[in-house]
């Protein structure tokens, strides 16, 4: 049975395995991934309300999701934590009789791998996706696939919401 290097360092001491633990003061999150995790957490708990850390980019994505109908409503709030105010976005997932309107939100592009789609491929794909929504990161910002078809542009695929 094998264990990881971190596990061995925690059990036997860090000096034996040349492992020096460090704690980062700031963590960089990939914002679309954070939104996807909170969306799925709200769906799995049958609780349509969830809170996300506030940034301008996160708010921009939440506004697009609200306009496309994935999120019922959202609000910006603040709490006093460790001697300063922390802002958050509270969002409510659209539910009908305890069943979510959109069942899944799949993150396609990651920081290490971007998946781009051209206008021609987007036209073909839009015929087969039905009621699903594709969010694209394009030259005009983050837009849905219907807006991309109107502007005749492609872009990097962020989410596929079905």
N, C-alpha and C. Protein backbone atom coordinates (compact mmCIF):
# COMPACT_ATOMS: atom_id res chain seq x y z
N UNK A 1 0.84 -1.17 0.00
CA UNK A 1 0.00 0.00 0.00
C UNK A 1 0.89 1.24 0.00
N UNK A 2 0.69 2.11 -0.95
CA UNK A 2 1.54 3.29 -1.05
C UNK A 2 0.76 4.52 -0.58
N UNK A 3 1.50 5.44 -0.03
CA UNK A 3 0.90 6.71 0.39
C UNK A 3 1.61 7.84 -0.32
N UNK A 4 1.01 8.98 -0.29
CA UNK A 4 1.59 10.12 -0.97
C UNK A 4 2.74 10.70 -0.15
N UNK A 5 3.54 11.51 -0.82
CA UNK A 5 4.67 12.15 -0.16
C UNK A 5 4.20 13.09 0.94
N UNK A 6 3.10 13.78 0.71
CA UNK A 6 2.57 14.69 1.72
C UNK A 6 2.08 13.90 2.93
N UNK A 7 1.41 12.78 2.68
CA UNK A 7 0.94 11.94 3.77
C UNK A 7 2.08 11.39 4.61
N UNK A 8 3.17 10.96 3.95
CA UNK A 8 4.34 10.46 4.68
C UNK A 8 4.98 11.57 5.49
N UNK A 9 5.03 12.76 4.92
CA UNK A 9 5.65 13.88 5.62
C UNK A 9 4.85 14.26 6.86
N UNK A 10 3.53 14.15 6.77
CA UNK A 10 2.71 14.47 7.92
C UNK A 10 2.84 13.43 9.03
N UNK A 11 3.03 12.16 8.65
CA UNK A 11 3.12 11.09 9.63
C UNK A 11 4.52 11.01 10.24
N UNK A 12 5.56 11.03 9.41
CA UNK A 12 6.91 10.79 9.87
C UNK A 12 7.72 12.06 10.12
N UNK A 13 7.19 13.19 9.77
CA UNK A 13 7.93 14.44 9.94
C UNK A 13 8.42 14.95 8.60
N UNK A 14 8.45 16.25 8.47
CA UNK A 14 8.76 16.83 7.17
C UNK A 14 10.24 16.77 6.83
N UNK A 15 11.11 16.73 7.80
CA UNK A 15 12.55 16.77 7.50
C UNK A 15 13.03 15.48 6.86
N UNK A 16 12.40 14.35 7.16
CA UNK A 16 12.84 13.07 6.61
C UNK A 16 12.62 13.00 5.10
N UNK A 17 11.55 13.59 4.61
CA UNK A 17 11.23 13.53 3.19
C UNK A 17 11.50 14.85 2.47
N UNK A 18 12.26 15.72 3.09
CA UNK A 18 12.61 17.03 2.51
C UNK A 18 11.36 17.79 2.07
N UNK A 19 10.42 17.83 2.94
CA UNK A 19 9.14 18.48 2.67
C UNK A 19 8.95 19.60 3.68
N UNK A 20 8.95 20.83 3.22
CA UNK A 20 8.74 21.96 4.10
C UNK A 20 7.34 22.52 3.84
N UNK A 21 6.44 22.40 4.80
CA UNK A 21 5.08 22.89 4.57
C UNK A 21 5.05 24.41 4.50
N UNK A 22 4.18 24.92 3.67
CA UNK A 22 4.01 26.37 3.57
C UNK A 22 2.52 26.65 3.45
N UNK A 23 2.13 27.81 3.89
CA UNK A 23 0.73 28.23 3.83
C UNK A 23 0.68 29.49 3.00
N UNK A 24 -0.16 29.49 1.99
CA UNK A 24 -0.31 30.66 1.14
C UNK A 24 -1.31 31.62 1.76
N UNK A 25 -0.96 32.89 1.77
CA UNK A 25 -1.88 33.90 2.30
C UNK A 25 -3.00 34.21 1.32
N UNK A 26 -2.68 34.17 0.03
CA UNK A 26 -3.69 34.44 -0.98
C UNK A 26 -3.77 33.24 -1.91
N UNK A 27 -4.98 32.85 -2.23
CA UNK A 27 -5.18 31.74 -3.16
C UNK A 27 -5.87 32.28 -4.38
N UNK A 28 -5.39 31.92 -5.56
CA UNK A 28 -6.01 32.33 -6.80
C UNK A 28 -6.98 31.25 -7.24
N UNK A 29 -8.24 31.61 -7.35
CA UNK A 29 -9.26 30.68 -7.80
C UNK A 29 -9.58 30.99 -9.25
N UNK A 30 -9.89 29.97 -10.00
CA UNK A 30 -10.39 30.15 -11.35
C UNK A 30 -11.88 30.44 -11.20
N UNK A 31 -12.29 31.66 -11.47
CA UNK A 31 -13.63 32.13 -11.16
C UNK A 31 -14.75 31.29 -11.79
N UNK A 32 -14.66 30.92 -13.09
CA UNK A 32 -15.74 30.07 -13.63
C UNK A 32 -15.86 28.74 -12.91
N UNK A 33 -14.75 28.17 -12.46
CA UNK A 33 -14.79 26.91 -11.73
C UNK A 33 -15.48 27.10 -10.38
N UNK A 34 -15.22 28.21 -9.74
CA UNK A 34 -15.86 28.51 -8.45
C UNK A 34 -17.38 28.65 -8.62
N UNK A 35 -17.81 29.31 -9.68
CA UNK A 35 -19.24 29.47 -9.95
C UNK A 35 -19.88 28.11 -10.22
N UNK A 36 -19.20 27.28 -11.00
CA UNK A 36 -19.72 25.95 -11.30
C UNK A 36 -19.86 25.11 -10.03
N UNK A 37 -18.88 25.16 -9.15
CA UNK A 37 -18.94 24.40 -7.91
C UNK A 37 -20.10 24.84 -7.02
N UNK A 38 -20.33 26.14 -6.91
CA UNK A 38 -21.43 26.63 -6.09
C UNK A 38 -22.78 26.30 -6.72
N UNK A 39 -22.85 26.33 -8.03
CA UNK A 39 -24.08 25.97 -8.74
C UNK A 39 -24.43 24.51 -8.47
N UNK A 40 -23.45 23.61 -8.61
CA UNK A 40 -23.70 22.19 -8.37
C UNK A 40 -23.96 21.90 -6.89
N UNK A 41 -23.31 22.64 -6.01
CA UNK A 41 -23.56 22.45 -4.58
C UNK A 41 -25.00 22.83 -4.23
N UNK A 42 -25.48 23.92 -4.80
CA UNK A 42 -26.86 24.34 -4.56
C UNK A 42 -27.84 23.31 -5.11
N UNK A 43 -27.53 22.71 -6.26
CA UNK A 43 -28.42 21.70 -6.84
C UNK A 43 -28.42 20.41 -6.02
N UNK A 44 -27.25 20.00 -5.54
CA UNK A 44 -27.17 18.74 -4.81
C UNK A 44 -27.81 18.83 -3.42
N UNK A 45 -27.81 20.00 -2.82
CA UNK A 45 -28.38 20.18 -1.50
C UNK A 45 -29.88 20.48 -1.54
N UNK A 46 -30.44 20.57 -2.74
CA UNK A 46 -31.84 20.96 -2.91
C UNK A 46 -32.11 22.31 -2.25
N UNK A 47 -31.06 23.09 -2.11
CA UNK A 47 -31.16 24.43 -1.55
C UNK A 47 -30.78 25.40 -2.66
N UNK A 48 -31.70 26.15 -3.17
CA UNK A 48 -31.38 26.98 -4.32
C UNK A 48 -30.48 28.17 -4.01
N UNK A 49 -30.19 28.45 -2.73
CA UNK A 49 -29.41 29.63 -2.37
C UNK A 49 -27.95 29.26 -2.13
N UNK A 50 -27.04 30.06 -2.66
CA UNK A 50 -25.62 29.85 -2.45
C UNK A 50 -24.91 31.21 -2.43
N UNK A 51 -23.74 31.25 -1.80
CA UNK A 51 -22.93 32.48 -1.72
C UNK A 51 -21.59 32.28 -2.40
N UNK A 52 -21.16 33.28 -3.16
CA UNK A 52 -19.89 33.25 -3.88
C UNK A 52 -19.11 34.50 -3.53
N UNK A 53 -17.80 34.37 -3.44
CA UNK A 53 -16.93 35.51 -3.16
C UNK A 53 -17.07 36.53 -4.30
N UNK A 54 -17.18 37.80 -3.94
CA UNK A 54 -17.43 38.87 -4.90
C UNK A 54 -16.14 39.29 -5.60
N UNK A 55 -16.17 39.29 -6.92
CA UNK A 55 -15.19 39.97 -7.76
C UNK A 55 -15.97 40.56 -8.95
N UNK A 56 -15.37 41.47 -9.67
CA UNK A 56 -16.05 42.05 -10.82
C UNK A 56 -16.30 41.00 -11.90
N UNK A 57 -15.32 40.11 -12.10
CA UNK A 57 -15.45 39.06 -13.11
C UNK A 57 -16.56 38.08 -12.74
N UNK A 58 -16.64 37.71 -11.46
CA UNK A 58 -17.69 36.81 -10.99
C UNK A 58 -19.05 37.45 -11.17
N UNK A 59 -19.17 38.71 -10.83
CA UNK A 59 -20.44 39.42 -10.99
C UNK A 59 -20.85 39.49 -12.46
N UNK A 60 -19.88 39.67 -13.34
CA UNK A 60 -20.16 39.73 -14.77
C UNK A 60 -20.72 38.40 -15.27
N UNK A 61 -20.13 37.28 -14.83
CA UNK A 61 -20.63 35.96 -15.24
C UNK A 61 -22.01 35.71 -14.64
N UNK A 62 -22.21 36.09 -13.38
CA UNK A 62 -23.51 35.90 -12.74
C UNK A 62 -24.60 36.70 -13.47
N UNK A 63 -24.29 37.90 -13.93
CA UNK A 63 -25.27 38.69 -14.67
C UNK A 63 -25.65 38.02 -15.99
N UNK A 64 -24.66 37.43 -16.66
CA UNK A 64 -24.94 36.72 -17.92
C UNK A 64 -25.82 35.50 -17.64
N UNK A 65 -25.50 34.76 -16.56
CA UNK A 65 -26.30 33.58 -16.22
C UNK A 65 -27.72 33.96 -15.82
N UNK A 66 -27.89 35.09 -15.16
CA UNK A 66 -29.23 35.55 -14.80
C UNK A 66 -30.01 35.99 -16.04
N UNK A 67 -29.33 36.62 -16.97
CA UNK A 67 -30.00 37.05 -18.20
C UNK A 67 -30.41 35.85 -19.06
N UNK A 68 -29.64 34.78 -19.01
CA UNK A 68 -29.97 33.59 -19.81
C UNK A 68 -30.97 32.68 -19.11
N UNK A 69 -31.28 32.93 -17.85
CA UNK A 69 -32.31 32.18 -17.15
C UNK A 69 -31.80 31.04 -16.29
N UNK A 70 -30.51 30.91 -16.10
CA UNK A 70 -29.95 29.84 -15.27
C UNK A 70 -30.07 30.17 -13.79
N UNK A 71 -29.96 31.42 -13.47
CA UNK A 71 -30.04 31.88 -12.09
C UNK A 71 -31.30 32.72 -11.95
N UNK A 72 -32.07 32.42 -10.92
CA UNK A 72 -33.35 33.12 -10.72
C UNK A 72 -33.12 34.57 -10.33
N UNK A 73 -32.33 34.78 -9.27
CA UNK A 73 -31.99 36.14 -8.85
C UNK A 73 -30.68 36.11 -8.08
N UNK A 74 -30.09 37.28 -7.93
CA UNK A 74 -28.84 37.41 -7.20
C UNK A 74 -28.83 38.74 -6.47
N UNK A 75 -28.02 38.81 -5.43
CA UNK A 75 -27.84 40.07 -4.70
C UNK A 75 -26.42 40.15 -4.18
N UNK A 76 -25.97 41.35 -3.90
CA UNK A 76 -24.63 41.57 -3.37
C UNK A 76 -24.78 41.97 -1.91
N UNK A 77 -24.06 41.28 -1.05
CA UNK A 77 -24.12 41.57 0.38
C UNK A 77 -22.73 41.68 0.97
N UNK A 78 -22.68 42.03 2.24
CA UNK A 78 -21.39 42.12 2.91
C UNK A 78 -21.53 41.62 4.33
N UNK A 79 -20.43 41.06 4.84
CA UNK A 79 -20.37 40.61 6.23
C UNK A 79 -19.09 41.16 6.84
N UNK A 80 -19.13 41.38 8.13
CA UNK A 80 -17.96 41.89 8.85
C UNK A 80 -17.18 40.69 9.36
N UNK A 81 -15.94 40.53 8.86
CA UNK A 81 -15.13 39.37 9.19
C UNK A 81 -13.68 39.81 9.38
N UNK A 82 -13.10 39.51 10.52
CA UNK A 82 -11.71 39.85 10.85
C UNK A 82 -11.42 41.33 10.62
N UNK A 83 -12.23 42.17 11.23
CA UNK A 83 -12.05 43.62 11.26
C UNK A 83 -12.21 44.31 9.91
N UNK A 84 -12.81 43.66 8.93
CA UNK A 84 -13.11 44.35 7.68
C UNK A 84 -14.30 43.69 7.00
N UNK A 85 -14.89 44.43 6.07
CA UNK A 85 -16.06 43.92 5.36
C UNK A 85 -15.63 43.03 4.21
N UNK A 86 -16.30 41.90 4.06
CA UNK A 86 -16.10 40.98 2.94
C UNK A 86 -17.39 40.98 2.13
N UNK A 87 -17.26 41.15 0.83
CA UNK A 87 -18.43 41.18 -0.04
C UNK A 87 -18.64 39.82 -0.67
N UNK A 88 -19.90 39.47 -0.88
CA UNK A 88 -20.26 38.21 -1.50
C UNK A 88 -21.45 38.42 -2.42
N UNK A 89 -21.66 37.45 -3.29
CA UNK A 89 -22.81 37.44 -4.18
C UNK A 89 -23.69 36.27 -3.75
N UNK A 90 -24.89 36.57 -3.37
CA UNK A 90 -25.86 35.52 -3.05
C UNK A 90 -26.70 35.24 -4.28
N UNK A 91 -26.77 33.98 -4.70
CA UNK A 91 -27.53 33.66 -5.89
C UNK A 91 -28.54 32.56 -5.60
N UNK A 92 -29.62 32.59 -6.33
CA UNK A 92 -30.68 31.60 -6.21
C UNK A 92 -30.82 30.89 -7.55
N UNK A 93 -30.69 29.57 -7.53
CA UNK A 93 -30.82 28.76 -8.73
C UNK A 93 -32.30 28.62 -9.06
N UNK A 94 -32.63 28.66 -10.33
CA UNK A 94 -34.02 28.57 -10.77
C UNK A 94 -34.55 27.15 -10.55
N UNK A 95 -35.58 27.02 -9.71
CA UNK A 95 -36.18 25.72 -9.39
C UNK A 95 -37.68 25.78 -9.66
N UNK A 96 -38.22 24.63 -10.05
CA UNK A 96 -39.66 24.49 -10.22
C UNK A 96 -40.08 23.19 -9.54
N UNK A 97 -40.85 23.29 -8.46
CA UNK A 97 -41.28 22.15 -7.67
C UNK A 97 -40.11 21.29 -7.21
N UNK A 98 -39.12 21.94 -6.62
CA UNK A 98 -37.89 21.30 -6.10
C UNK A 98 -37.08 20.58 -7.18
N UNK A 99 -37.26 20.95 -8.41
CA UNK A 99 -36.48 20.40 -9.51
C UNK A 99 -35.82 21.57 -10.24
N UNK A 100 -34.51 21.52 -10.43
CA UNK A 100 -33.85 22.64 -11.12
C UNK A 100 -34.22 22.69 -12.59
N UNK A 101 -34.32 23.90 -13.10
CA UNK A 101 -34.65 24.09 -14.51
C UNK A 101 -33.49 23.63 -15.39
N UNK A 102 -32.27 23.98 -15.00
CA UNK A 102 -31.08 23.51 -15.68
C UNK A 102 -30.42 22.48 -14.78
N UNK A 103 -30.17 21.29 -15.29
CA UNK A 103 -29.69 20.18 -14.47
C UNK A 103 -28.17 20.20 -14.27
N UNK A 104 -27.42 20.69 -15.25
CA UNK A 104 -25.97 20.65 -15.10
C UNK A 104 -25.32 21.86 -15.75
N UNK A 105 -24.20 22.23 -15.19
CA UNK A 105 -23.36 23.29 -15.73
C UNK A 105 -21.97 22.68 -15.86
N UNK A 106 -21.52 22.49 -17.09
CA UNK A 106 -20.24 21.83 -17.32
C UNK A 106 -19.19 22.85 -17.75
N UNK A 107 -18.09 22.90 -17.02
CA UNK A 107 -16.98 23.77 -17.35
C UNK A 107 -16.16 23.11 -18.44
N UNK A 108 -15.93 23.79 -19.55
CA UNK A 108 -15.21 23.20 -20.67
C UNK A 108 -13.76 23.68 -20.69
N UNK A 109 -13.54 24.98 -20.72
CA UNK A 109 -12.18 25.52 -20.75
C UNK A 109 -11.64 25.69 -19.35
N UNK A 110 -10.38 25.38 -19.19
CA UNK A 110 -9.68 25.55 -17.92
C UNK A 110 -8.50 26.47 -18.16
N UNK A 111 -7.80 26.90 -17.10
CA UNK A 111 -6.64 27.77 -17.33
C UNK A 111 -5.54 27.08 -18.15
N UNK A 112 -5.45 25.76 -18.07
CA UNK A 112 -4.40 25.06 -18.80
C UNK A 112 -4.81 24.66 -20.21
N UNK A 113 -6.10 24.58 -20.48
CA UNK A 113 -6.57 24.15 -21.80
C UNK A 113 -7.79 24.95 -22.20
N UNK A 114 -7.68 25.67 -23.30
CA UNK A 114 -8.78 26.46 -23.83
C UNK A 114 -9.36 25.75 -25.06
N UNK A 115 -10.67 25.67 -25.12
CA UNK A 115 -11.36 25.09 -26.27
C UNK A 115 -12.06 26.21 -27.02
N UNK A 116 -11.61 26.45 -28.24
CA UNK A 116 -12.16 27.52 -29.06
C UNK A 116 -13.14 26.93 -30.07
N UNK A 117 -14.10 27.75 -30.45
CA UNK A 117 -15.07 27.34 -31.45
C UNK A 117 -15.24 28.49 -32.44
N UNK A 118 -15.27 28.15 -33.73
CA UNK A 118 -15.43 29.17 -34.76
C UNK A 118 -16.91 29.44 -34.99
N UNK A 119 -17.19 30.46 -35.77
CA UNK A 119 -18.57 30.82 -36.06
C UNK A 119 -19.28 29.71 -36.82
N UNK A 120 -18.59 29.11 -37.81
CA UNK A 120 -19.20 28.03 -38.59
C UNK A 120 -19.53 26.83 -37.72
N UNK A 121 -18.60 26.45 -36.85
CA UNK A 121 -18.85 25.31 -35.96
C UNK A 121 -19.96 25.63 -34.96
N UNK A 122 -20.04 26.87 -34.53
CA UNK A 122 -21.09 27.28 -33.60
C UNK A 122 -22.47 27.22 -34.26
N UNK A 123 -22.55 27.58 -35.53
CA UNK A 123 -23.81 27.49 -36.27
C UNK A 123 -24.29 26.05 -36.34
N UNK A 124 -23.38 25.12 -36.62
CA UNK A 124 -23.74 23.70 -36.72
C UNK A 124 -24.12 23.15 -35.35
N UNK A 125 -23.35 23.53 -34.32
CA UNK A 125 -23.61 23.04 -32.96
C UNK A 125 -24.93 23.55 -32.42
N UNK A 126 -25.30 24.77 -32.75
CA UNK A 126 -26.53 25.35 -32.21
C UNK A 126 -27.78 24.62 -32.71
N UNK A 127 -27.68 23.93 -33.83
CA UNK A 127 -28.82 23.16 -34.32
C UNK A 127 -29.09 21.92 -33.48
N UNK A 128 -28.04 21.38 -32.83
CA UNK A 128 -28.19 20.11 -32.12
C UNK A 128 -28.26 20.24 -30.60
N UNK A 129 -28.07 21.42 -30.03
CA UNK A 129 -28.01 21.51 -28.57
C UNK A 129 -29.37 21.70 -27.92
N UNK A 130 -30.38 22.03 -28.67
CA UNK A 130 -31.73 22.17 -28.10
C UNK A 130 -31.83 23.36 -27.17
N UNK A 131 -32.26 23.12 -25.92
CA UNK A 131 -32.46 24.19 -24.95
C UNK A 131 -31.20 24.52 -24.16
N UNK A 132 -30.10 23.90 -24.46
CA UNK A 132 -28.85 24.16 -23.74
C UNK A 132 -28.32 25.54 -24.09
N UNK A 133 -27.49 26.06 -23.19
CA UNK A 133 -26.89 27.38 -23.38
C UNK A 133 -25.37 27.21 -23.34
N UNK A 134 -24.69 27.82 -24.27
CA UNK A 134 -23.22 27.80 -24.29
C UNK A 134 -22.74 29.21 -23.98
N UNK A 135 -21.89 29.35 -22.97
CA UNK A 135 -21.29 30.65 -22.66
C UNK A 135 -19.91 30.70 -23.28
N UNK A 136 -19.66 31.75 -24.04
CA UNK A 136 -18.39 31.92 -24.74
C UNK A 136 -17.66 33.14 -24.21
N UNK A 137 -16.34 33.03 -24.15
CA UNK A 137 -15.49 34.17 -23.87
C UNK A 137 -14.95 34.64 -25.21
N UNK A 138 -15.49 35.74 -25.72
CA UNK A 138 -15.16 36.20 -27.06
C UNK A 138 -14.53 37.58 -27.01
N UNK A 139 -14.35 38.15 -28.18
CA UNK A 139 -13.77 39.49 -28.25
C UNK A 139 -14.74 40.55 -27.71
N UNK A 140 -16.01 40.23 -27.61
CA UNK A 140 -17.02 41.14 -27.06
C UNK A 140 -17.32 40.86 -25.60
N UNK A 141 -16.51 40.05 -24.95
CA UNK A 141 -16.72 39.70 -23.55
C UNK A 141 -17.36 38.33 -23.44
N UNK A 142 -17.96 38.05 -22.32
CA UNK A 142 -18.63 36.78 -22.10
C UNK A 142 -20.06 36.91 -22.61
N UNK A 143 -20.40 36.08 -23.59
CA UNK A 143 -21.72 36.13 -24.21
C UNK A 143 -22.26 34.73 -24.39
N UNK A 144 -23.56 34.63 -24.61
CA UNK A 144 -24.18 33.34 -24.90
C UNK A 144 -23.98 33.01 -26.38
N UNK A 145 -24.28 31.77 -26.74
CA UNK A 145 -24.07 31.37 -28.13
C UNK A 145 -25.06 32.06 -29.07
N UNK A 146 -26.24 32.42 -28.60
CA UNK A 146 -27.18 33.12 -29.47
C UNK A 146 -26.69 34.52 -29.81
N UNK A 147 -26.08 35.20 -28.83
CA UNK A 147 -25.51 36.52 -29.10
C UNK A 147 -24.31 36.41 -30.03
N UNK A 148 -23.53 35.34 -29.87
CA UNK A 148 -22.37 35.13 -30.75
C UNK A 148 -22.83 34.89 -32.19
N UNK A 149 -23.93 34.17 -32.35
CA UNK A 149 -24.46 33.95 -33.70
C UNK A 149 -24.97 35.25 -34.32
N UNK A 150 -25.56 36.13 -33.50
CA UNK A 150 -26.03 37.43 -34.01
C UNK A 150 -24.86 38.28 -34.48
N UNK A 151 -23.75 38.25 -33.71
CA UNK A 151 -22.58 39.06 -34.04
C UNK A 151 -21.65 38.36 -35.03
N UNK A 152 -21.95 37.09 -35.36
CA UNK A 152 -21.15 36.28 -36.29
C UNK A 152 -19.71 36.16 -35.85
N UNK A 153 -19.53 35.77 -34.56
CA UNK A 153 -18.19 35.56 -34.02
C UNK A 153 -18.14 34.24 -33.26
N UNK A 154 -16.96 33.75 -33.03
CA UNK A 154 -16.74 32.55 -32.22
C UNK A 154 -16.02 32.97 -30.96
N UNK A 155 -15.44 31.99 -30.26
CA UNK A 155 -14.71 32.31 -29.05
C UNK A 155 -14.33 31.07 -28.28
N UNK A 156 -13.86 31.27 -27.08
CA UNK A 156 -13.47 30.18 -26.20
C UNK A 156 -14.69 29.75 -25.38
N UNK A 157 -14.96 28.44 -25.33
CA UNK A 157 -16.14 27.93 -24.63
C UNK A 157 -15.85 27.89 -23.13
N UNK A 158 -16.67 28.58 -22.33
CA UNK A 158 -16.55 28.53 -20.88
C UNK A 158 -17.43 27.44 -20.28
N UNK A 159 -18.75 27.54 -20.50
CA UNK A 159 -19.72 26.62 -19.92
C UNK A 159 -20.64 26.07 -20.99
N UNK A 160 -21.12 24.86 -20.73
CA UNK A 160 -22.26 24.31 -21.44
C UNK A 160 -23.30 24.01 -20.38
N UNK A 161 -24.42 24.68 -20.43
CA UNK A 161 -25.47 24.57 -19.43
C UNK A 161 -26.65 23.85 -20.06
N UNK A 162 -27.00 22.71 -19.48
CA UNK A 162 -28.11 21.93 -20.05
C UNK A 162 -29.10 21.53 -18.97
